[in-house]
Amino acid sequence: MSDVARPELRVVSPPDAEGMAGWDEVYRETVVMIYRYIYARVGNRPDAEDLTTHVYMRALPRLRVEAAAAEVRSYLVTTAKTVLADHWRDHYDVQLAELDDTLAAPIVEEPTPGDEEAGVRRAARILNSLPDHYRRVLELRFLRGYSLRETAGELGITVGNAKVLQHRALRRAALTEGED
């Protein structure tokens, strides 16, 4: 453990007509902890600052007046987890409208030999338009049938990174296809 004493929070008083002194104290005593927690997960300063602000905007109006210091910290970390989950969902979410157009397209029952050749050319065109790392992950996953674990091993990256890379490659491929 560290020799540095951690300041102990006091019971928060609700805001009154004279100001927000209680909330200001909670903020000052916890902001560094929350910022570091978020920064460790998003890896960049602008997002960490914005998300830290969102944590306090969401948490402060709901803090219980009788809450102890440990409860306040716990509530803020839980709120930070929720804010981070919302951030990642918004950041990586595929819009439903994009899926609806694809699902509404008619399905061809029996492909003709010309369709197969056109499909191969179309796939090659899309893959060739992608950056090397995106093309490689899609080739391994879908043309060679590798699992995520096998793909990650082949590329020398983590499974989580392979999953994110695949998602980004598919999104880029879909955007490329949409341009055509």
C-alpha atoms as a PDB file:
ATOM      1  CA  MET A   1       0.000   0.000   0.000  1.00  0.00           C
ATOM      2  CA  SER A   2       1.010   3.572  -0.524  1.00  0.00           C
ATOM      3  CA  ASP A   3       2.081   5.904   2.282  1.00  0.00           C
ATOM      4  CA  VAL A   4      -0.009   8.680   0.757  1.00  0.00           C
ATOM      5  CA  ALA A   5      -3.178   9.225   2.760  1.00  0.00           C
ATOM      6  CA  ARG A   6      -6.351   9.206   0.704  1.00  0.00           C
ATOM      7  CA  PRO A   7      -8.700  12.092   1.525  1.00  0.00           C
ATOM      8  CA  GLU A   8     -11.905  10.822   3.050  1.00  0.00           C
ATOM      9  CA  LEU A   9     -15.182  12.111   1.656  1.00  0.00           C
ATOM     10  CA  ARG A  10     -17.743  13.516   3.982  1.00  0.00           C
ATOM     11  CA  VAL A  11     -21.487  13.094   3.779  1.00  0.00           C
ATOM     12  CA  VAL A  12     -22.796  15.125   0.883  1.00  0.00           C
ATOM     13  CA  SER A  13     -25.352  17.778   1.556  1.00  0.00           C
ATOM     14  CA  PRO A  14     -27.941  18.508  -1.114  1.00  0.00           C
ATOM     15  CA  PRO A  15     -27.577  21.667  -3.179  1.00  0.00           C
ATOM     16  CA  ASP A  16     -29.313  24.618  -1.653  1.00  0.00           C
ATOM     17  CA  ALA A  17     -29.993  28.200  -2.628  1.00  0.00           C
ATOM     18  CA  GLU A  18     -26.481  29.214  -1.527  1.00  0.00           C
ATOM     19  CA  GLY A  19     -24.636  26.921  -3.948  1.00  0.00           C
ATOM     20  CA  MET A  20     -23.317  23.519  -4.726  1.00  0.00           C
ATOM     21  CA  ALA A  21     -20.513  23.265  -2.146  1.00  0.00           C
ATOM     22  CA  GLY A  22     -21.230  19.590  -1.313  1.00  0.00           C
ATOM     23  CA  TRP A  23     -21.256  18.487  -4.936  1.00  0.00           C
ATOM     24  CA  ASP A  24     -18.133  20.528  -5.660  1.00  0.00           C
ATOM     25  CA  GLU A  25     -16.299  18.694  -2.877  1.00  0.00           C
ATOM     26  CA  VAL A  26     -17.333  15.286  -4.224  1.00  0.00           C
ATOM     27  CA  TYR A  27     -16.142  16.296  -7.674  1.00  0.00           C
ATOM     28  CA  ARG A  28     -12.753  17.583  -6.487  1.00  0.00           C
ATOM     29  CA  GLU A  29     -12.081  14.479  -4.419  1.00  0.00           C
ATOM     30  CA  THR A  30     -13.061  11.919  -7.081  1.00  0.00           C
ATOM     31  CA  VAL A  31     -12.464  13.437 -10.510  1.00  0.00           C
ATOM     32  CA  VAL A  32      -8.864  12.236 -10.848  1.00  0.00           C
ATOM     33  CA  MET A  33      -9.856   8.671  -9.946  1.00  0.00           C
ATOM     34  CA  ILE A  34     -12.740   8.634 -12.447  1.00  0.00           C
ATOM     35  CA  TYR A  35     -10.682  10.281 -15.197  1.00  0.00           C
ATOM     36  CA  ARG A  36      -7.875   7.733 -14.788  1.00  0.00           C
ATOM     37  CA  TYR A  37     -10.373   4.872 -14.791  1.00  0.00           C
ATOM     38  CA  ILE A  38     -11.908   6.049 -18.073  1.00  0.00           C
ATOM     39  CA  TYR A  39      -8.610   7.030 -19.699  1.00  0.00           C
ATOM     40  CA  ALA A  40      -7.252   3.520 -19.061  1.00  0.00           C
ATOM     41  CA  ARG A  41     -10.168   2.135 -21.075  1.00  0.00           C
ATOM     42  CA  VAL A  42     -10.456   4.599 -23.980  1.00  0.00           C
ATOM     43  CA  GLY A  43      -6.793   5.511 -24.347  1.00  0.00           C
ATOM     44  CA  ASN A  44      -7.152   9.108 -25.440  1.00  0.00           C
ATOM     45  CA  ARG A  45      -7.520  12.370 -23.595  1.00  0.00           C
ATOM     46  CA  PRO A  46     -10.442  14.025 -25.458  1.00  0.00           C
ATOM     47  CA  ASP A  47     -12.739  11.014 -25.050  1.00  0.00           C
ATOM     48  CA  ALA A  48     -11.660  10.514 -21.433  1.00  0.00           C
ATOM     49  CA  GLU A  49     -12.425  14.147 -20.610  1.00  0.00           C
ATOM     50  CA  ASP A  50     -15.820  14.049 -22.326  1.00  0.00           C
ATOM     51  CA  LEU A  51     -16.803  10.752 -20.739  1.00  0.00           C
ATOM     52  CA  THR A  52     -15.687  11.915 -17.284  1.00  0.00           C
ATOM     53  CA  THR A  53     -17.986  14.901 -17.689  1.00  0.00           C
ATOM     54  CA  HIS A  54     -20.840  12.573 -18.661  1.00  0.00           C
ATOM     55  CA  VAL A  55     -20.230  10.473 -15.535  1.00  0.00           C
ATOM     56  CA  TYR A  56     -20.682  13.481 -13.258  1.00  0.00           C
ATOM     57  CA  MET A  57     -23.633  14.859 -15.191  1.00  0.00           C
ATOM     58  CA  ARG A  58     -25.362  11.501 -14.804  1.00  0.00           C
ATOM     59  CA  ALA A  59     -24.275  10.668 -11.243  1.00  0.00           C
ATOM     60  CA  LEU A  60     -24.397  13.873  -9.215  1.00  0.00           C
ATOM     61  CA  PRO A  61     -28.168  14.463  -9.382  1.00  0.00           C
ATOM     62  CA  ARG A  62     -28.734  10.892  -8.154  1.00  0.00           C
ATOM     63  CA  LEU A  63     -26.232  10.725  -5.282  1.00  0.00           C
ATOM     64  CA  ARG A  64     -27.885   9.967  -1.968  1.00  0.00           C
ATOM     65  CA  VAL A  65     -27.424  12.592   0.707  1.00  0.00           C
ATOM     66  CA  GLU A  66     -26.637  10.005   3.364  1.00  0.00           C
ATOM     67  CA  ALA A  67     -24.067   8.130   1.240  1.00  0.00           C
ATOM     68  CA  ALA A  68     -20.703   7.275   2.800  1.00  0.00           C
ATOM     69  CA  ALA A  69     -17.428   7.983   0.989  1.00  0.00           C
ATOM     70  CA  ALA A  70     -16.990   4.385  -0.179  1.00  0.00           C
ATOM     71  CA  GLU A  71     -20.542   4.311  -1.534  1.00  0.00           C
ATOM     72  CA  VAL A  72     -19.969   7.555  -3.444  1.00  0.00           C
ATOM     73  CA  ARG A  73     -16.798   6.184  -5.054  1.00  0.00           C
ATOM     74  CA  SER A  74     -18.519   2.894  -5.864  1.00  0.00           C
ATOM     75  CA  TYR A  75     -21.505   4.670  -7.398  1.00  0.00           C
ATOM     76  CA  LEU A  76     -19.254   6.876  -9.521  1.00  0.00           C
ATOM     77  CA  VAL A  77     -17.259   3.870 -10.807  1.00  0.00           C
ATOM     78  CA  THR A  78     -20.491   2.022 -11.614  1.00  0.00           C
ATOM     79  CA  THR A  79     -21.764   5.117 -13.445  1.00  0.00           C
ATOM     80  CA  ALA A  80     -18.439   5.311 -15.312  1.00  0.00           C
ATOM     81  CA  LYS A  81     -18.884   1.693 -16.438  1.00  0.00           C
ATOM     82  CA  THR A  82     -22.351   2.502 -17.762  1.00  0.00           C
ATOM     83  CA  VAL A  83     -21.104   5.625 -19.564  1.00  0.00           C
ATOM     84  CA  LEU A  84     -18.268   3.599 -21.112  1.00  0.00           C
ATOM     85  CA  ALA A  85     -20.675   0.886 -22.242  1.00  0.00           C
ATOM     86  CA  ASP A  86     -22.884   3.526 -23.885  1.00  0.00           C
ATOM     87  CA  HIS A  87     -19.812   5.056 -25.540  1.00  0.00           C
ATOM     88  CA  TRP A  88     -18.611   1.751 -27.010  1.00  0.00           C
ATOM     89  CA  ARG A  89     -22.106   0.780 -28.131  1.00  0.00           C
ATOM     90  CA  ASP A  90     -22.516   4.118 -29.938  1.00  0.00           C
ATOM     91  CA  HIS A  91     -18.974   3.960 -31.335  1.00  0.00           C
ATOM     92  CA  TYR A  92     -19.241   0.444 -32.802  1.00  0.00           C
ATOM     93  CA  ASP A  93     -22.966   0.149 -33.490  1.00  0.00           C
ATOM     94  CA  VAL A  94     -24.186  -0.662 -36.980  1.00  0.00           C
ATOM     95  CA  GLN A  95     -27.210   1.394 -37.856  1.00  0.00           C
ATOM     96  CA  LEU A  96     -30.423  -0.586 -38.280  1.00  0.00           C
ATOM     97  CA  ALA A  97     -31.285   1.291 -41.478  1.00  0.00           C
ATOM     98  CA  GLU A  98     -28.190  -0.199 -43.123  1.00  0.00           C
ATOM     99  CA  LEU A  99     -29.421  -3.693 -42.251  1.00  0.00           C
ATOM    100  CA  ASP A 100     -33.016  -3.054 -43.324  1.00  0.00           C
ATOM    101  CA  ASP A 101     -31.985  -2.208 -46.895  1.00  0.00           C
ATOM    102  CA  THR A 102     -29.923  -5.382 -47.119  1.00  0.00           C
ATOM    103  CA  LEU A 103     -32.664  -7.584 -45.675  1.00  0.00           C
ATOM    104  CA  ALA A 104     -35.298  -6.126 -48.017  1.00  0.00           C
ATOM    105  CA  ALA A 105     -33.279  -7.020 -51.128  1.00  0.00           C
ATOM    106  CA  PRO A 106     -34.697  -9.970 -53.059  1.00  0.00           C
ATOM    107  CA  ILE A 107     -32.870 -13.267 -52.657  1.00  0.00           C
ATOM    108  CA  VAL A 108     -31.908 -15.091 -55.830  1.00  0.00           C
ATOM    109  CA  GLU A 109     -32.833 -18.763 -55.512  1.00  0.00           C
ATOM    110  CA  GLU A 110     -30.491 -20.348 -58.070  1.00  0.00           C
ATOM    111  CA  PRO A 111     -27.277 -18.545 -59.024  1.00  0.00           C
ATOM    112  CA  THR A 112     -26.236 -18.822 -62.626  1.00  0.00           C
ATOM    113  CA  PRO A 113     -22.595 -19.452 -63.662  1.00  0.00           C
ATOM    114  CA  GLY A 114     -22.293 -15.780 -64.680  1.00  0.00           C
ATOM    115  CA  ASP A 115     -23.475 -14.721 -61.219  1.00  0.00           C
ATOM    116  CA  GLU A 116     -20.735 -16.710 -59.537  1.00  0.00           C
ATOM    117  CA  GLU A 117     -18.023 -15.141 -61.694  1.00  0.00           C
ATOM    118  CA  ALA A 118     -19.464 -11.674 -61.092  1.00  0.00           C
ATOM    119  CA  GLY A 119     -19.511 -12.360 -57.362  1.00  0.00           C
ATOM    120  CA  VAL A 120     -15.867 -13.428 -57.366  1.00  0.00           C
ATOM    121  CA  ARG A 121     -14.901 -10.289 -59.294  1.00  0.00           C
ATOM    122  CA  ARG A 122     -16.960  -8.118 -56.949  1.00  0.00           C
ATOM    123  CA  ALA A 123     -15.372  -9.707 -53.850  1.00  0.00           C
ATOM    124  CA  ALA A 124     -11.893  -9.276 -55.334  1.00  0.00           C
ATOM    125  CA  ARG A 125     -12.648  -5.619 -56.170  1.00  0.00           C
ATOM    126  CA  ILE A 126     -13.849  -4.925 -52.626  1.00  0.00           C
ATOM    127  CA  LEU A 127     -10.904  -6.733 -51.011  1.00  0.00           C
ATOM    128  CA  ASN A 128      -8.413  -4.916 -53.252  1.00  0.00           C
ATOM    129  CA  SER A 129      -9.881  -1.557 -52.224  1.00  0.00           C
ATOM    130  CA  LEU A 130      -9.235  -2.262 -48.521  1.00  0.00           C
ATOM    131  CA  PRO A 131      -6.024  -1.516 -46.601  1.00  0.00           C
ATOM    132  CA  ASP A 132      -3.733  -4.542 -46.229  1.00  0.00           C
ATOM    133  CA  HIS A 133      -4.579  -5.282 -42.584  1.00  0.00           C
ATOM    134  CA  TYR A 134      -8.340  -5.220 -43.288  1.00  0.00           C
ATOM    135  CA  ARG A 135      -7.986  -7.360 -46.418  1.00  0.00           C
ATOM    136  CA  ARG A 136      -5.829  -9.892 -44.559  1.00  0.00           C
ATOM    137  CA  VAL A 137      -8.263 -10.355 -41.664  1.00  0.00           C
ATOM    138  CA  LEU A 138     -11.213 -10.834 -44.038  1.00  0.00           C
ATOM    139  CA  GLU A 139      -9.293 -13.308 -46.187  1.00  0.00           C
ATOM    140  CA  LEU A 140      -8.335 -15.369 -43.148  1.00  0.00           C
ATOM    141  CA  ARG A 141     -11.788 -15.306 -41.562  1.00  0.00           C
ATOM    142  CA  PHE A 142     -14.040 -15.749 -44.570  1.00  0.00           C
ATOM    143  CA  LEU A 143     -12.034 -17.129 -47.451  1.00  0.00           C
ATOM    144  CA  ARG A 144      -9.884 -19.552 -45.462  1.00  0.00           C
ATOM    145  CA  GLY A 145     -12.431 -20.169 -42.689  1.00  0.00           C
ATOM    146  CA  TYR A 146     -10.076 -19.418 -39.776  1.00  0.00           C
ATOM    147  CA  SER A 147     -11.535 -18.918 -36.305  1.00  0.00           C
ATOM    148  CA  LEU A 148     -10.933 -15.634 -34.495  1.00  0.00           C
ATOM    149  CA  ARG A 149      -8.251 -17.333 -32.401  1.00  0.00           C
ATOM    150  CA  GLU A 150      -6.495 -18.728 -35.496  1.00  0.00           C
ATOM    151  CA  THR A 151      -6.726 -15.365 -37.250  1.00  0.00           C
ATOM    152  CA  ALA A 152      -5.260 -13.578 -34.238  1.00  0.00           C
ATOM    153  CA  GLY A 153      -2.404 -16.093 -34.103  1.00  0.00           C
ATOM    154  CA  GLU A 154      -1.676 -15.715 -37.807  1.00  0.00           C
ATOM    155  CA  LEU A 155      -1.665 -11.915 -37.546  1.00  0.00           C
ATOM    156  CA  GLY A 156       0.226 -11.833 -34.248  1.00  0.00           C
ATOM    157  CA  ILE A 157      -2.485  -9.879 -32.408  1.00  0.00           C
ATOM    158  CA  THR A 158      -4.906 -10.553 -29.559  1.00  0.00           C
ATOM    159  CA  VAL A 159      -8.292 -12.178 -30.146  1.00  0.00           C
ATOM    160  CA  GLY A 160     -10.024  -8.966 -29.068  1.00  0.00           C
ATOM    161  CA  ASN A 161      -7.970  -6.961 -31.528  1.00  0.00           C
ATOM    162  CA  ALA A 162      -8.793  -9.452 -34.293  1.00  0.00           C
ATOM    163  CA  LYS A 163     -12.494  -9.082 -33.521  1.00  0.00           C
ATOM    164  CA  VAL A 164     -12.317  -5.272 -33.669  1.00  0.00           C
ATOM    165  CA  LEU A 165     -10.207  -5.405 -36.835  1.00  0.00           C
ATOM    166  CA  GLN A 166     -12.755  -7.746 -38.466  1.00  0.00           C
ATOM    167  CA  HIS A 167     -15.622  -5.452 -37.496  1.00  0.00           C
ATOM    168  CA  ARG A 168     -13.875  -2.395 -38.920  1.00  0.00           C
ATOM    169  CA  ALA A 169     -12.920  -4.269 -42.093  1.00  0.00           C
ATOM    170  CA  LEU A 170     -16.512  -5.400 -42.653  1.00  0.00           C
ATOM    171  CA  ARG A 171     -17.781  -1.873 -42.088  1.00  0.00           C
ATOM    172  CA  ARG A 172     -15.227  -0.457 -44.539  1.00  0.00           C
ATOM    173  CA  ALA A 173     -16.103  -3.182 -47.080  1.00  0.00           C
ATOM    174  CA  ALA A 174     -19.802  -2.371 -46.733  1.00  0.00           C
ATOM    175  CA  LEU A 175     -19.115   1.326 -47.249  1.00  0.00           C
ATOM    176  CA  THR A 176     -16.978   0.509 -50.291  1.00  0.00           C
ATOM    177  CA  GLU A 177     -19.750  -1.669 -51.679  1.00  0.00           C
ATOM    178  CA  GLY A 178     -22.276   1.100 -51.017  1.00  0.00           C
ATOM    179  CA  GLU A 179     -20.198   3.538 -53.084  1.00  0.00           C
ATOM    180  CA  ASP A 180     -20.410   1.206 -56.067  1.00  0.00           C
END
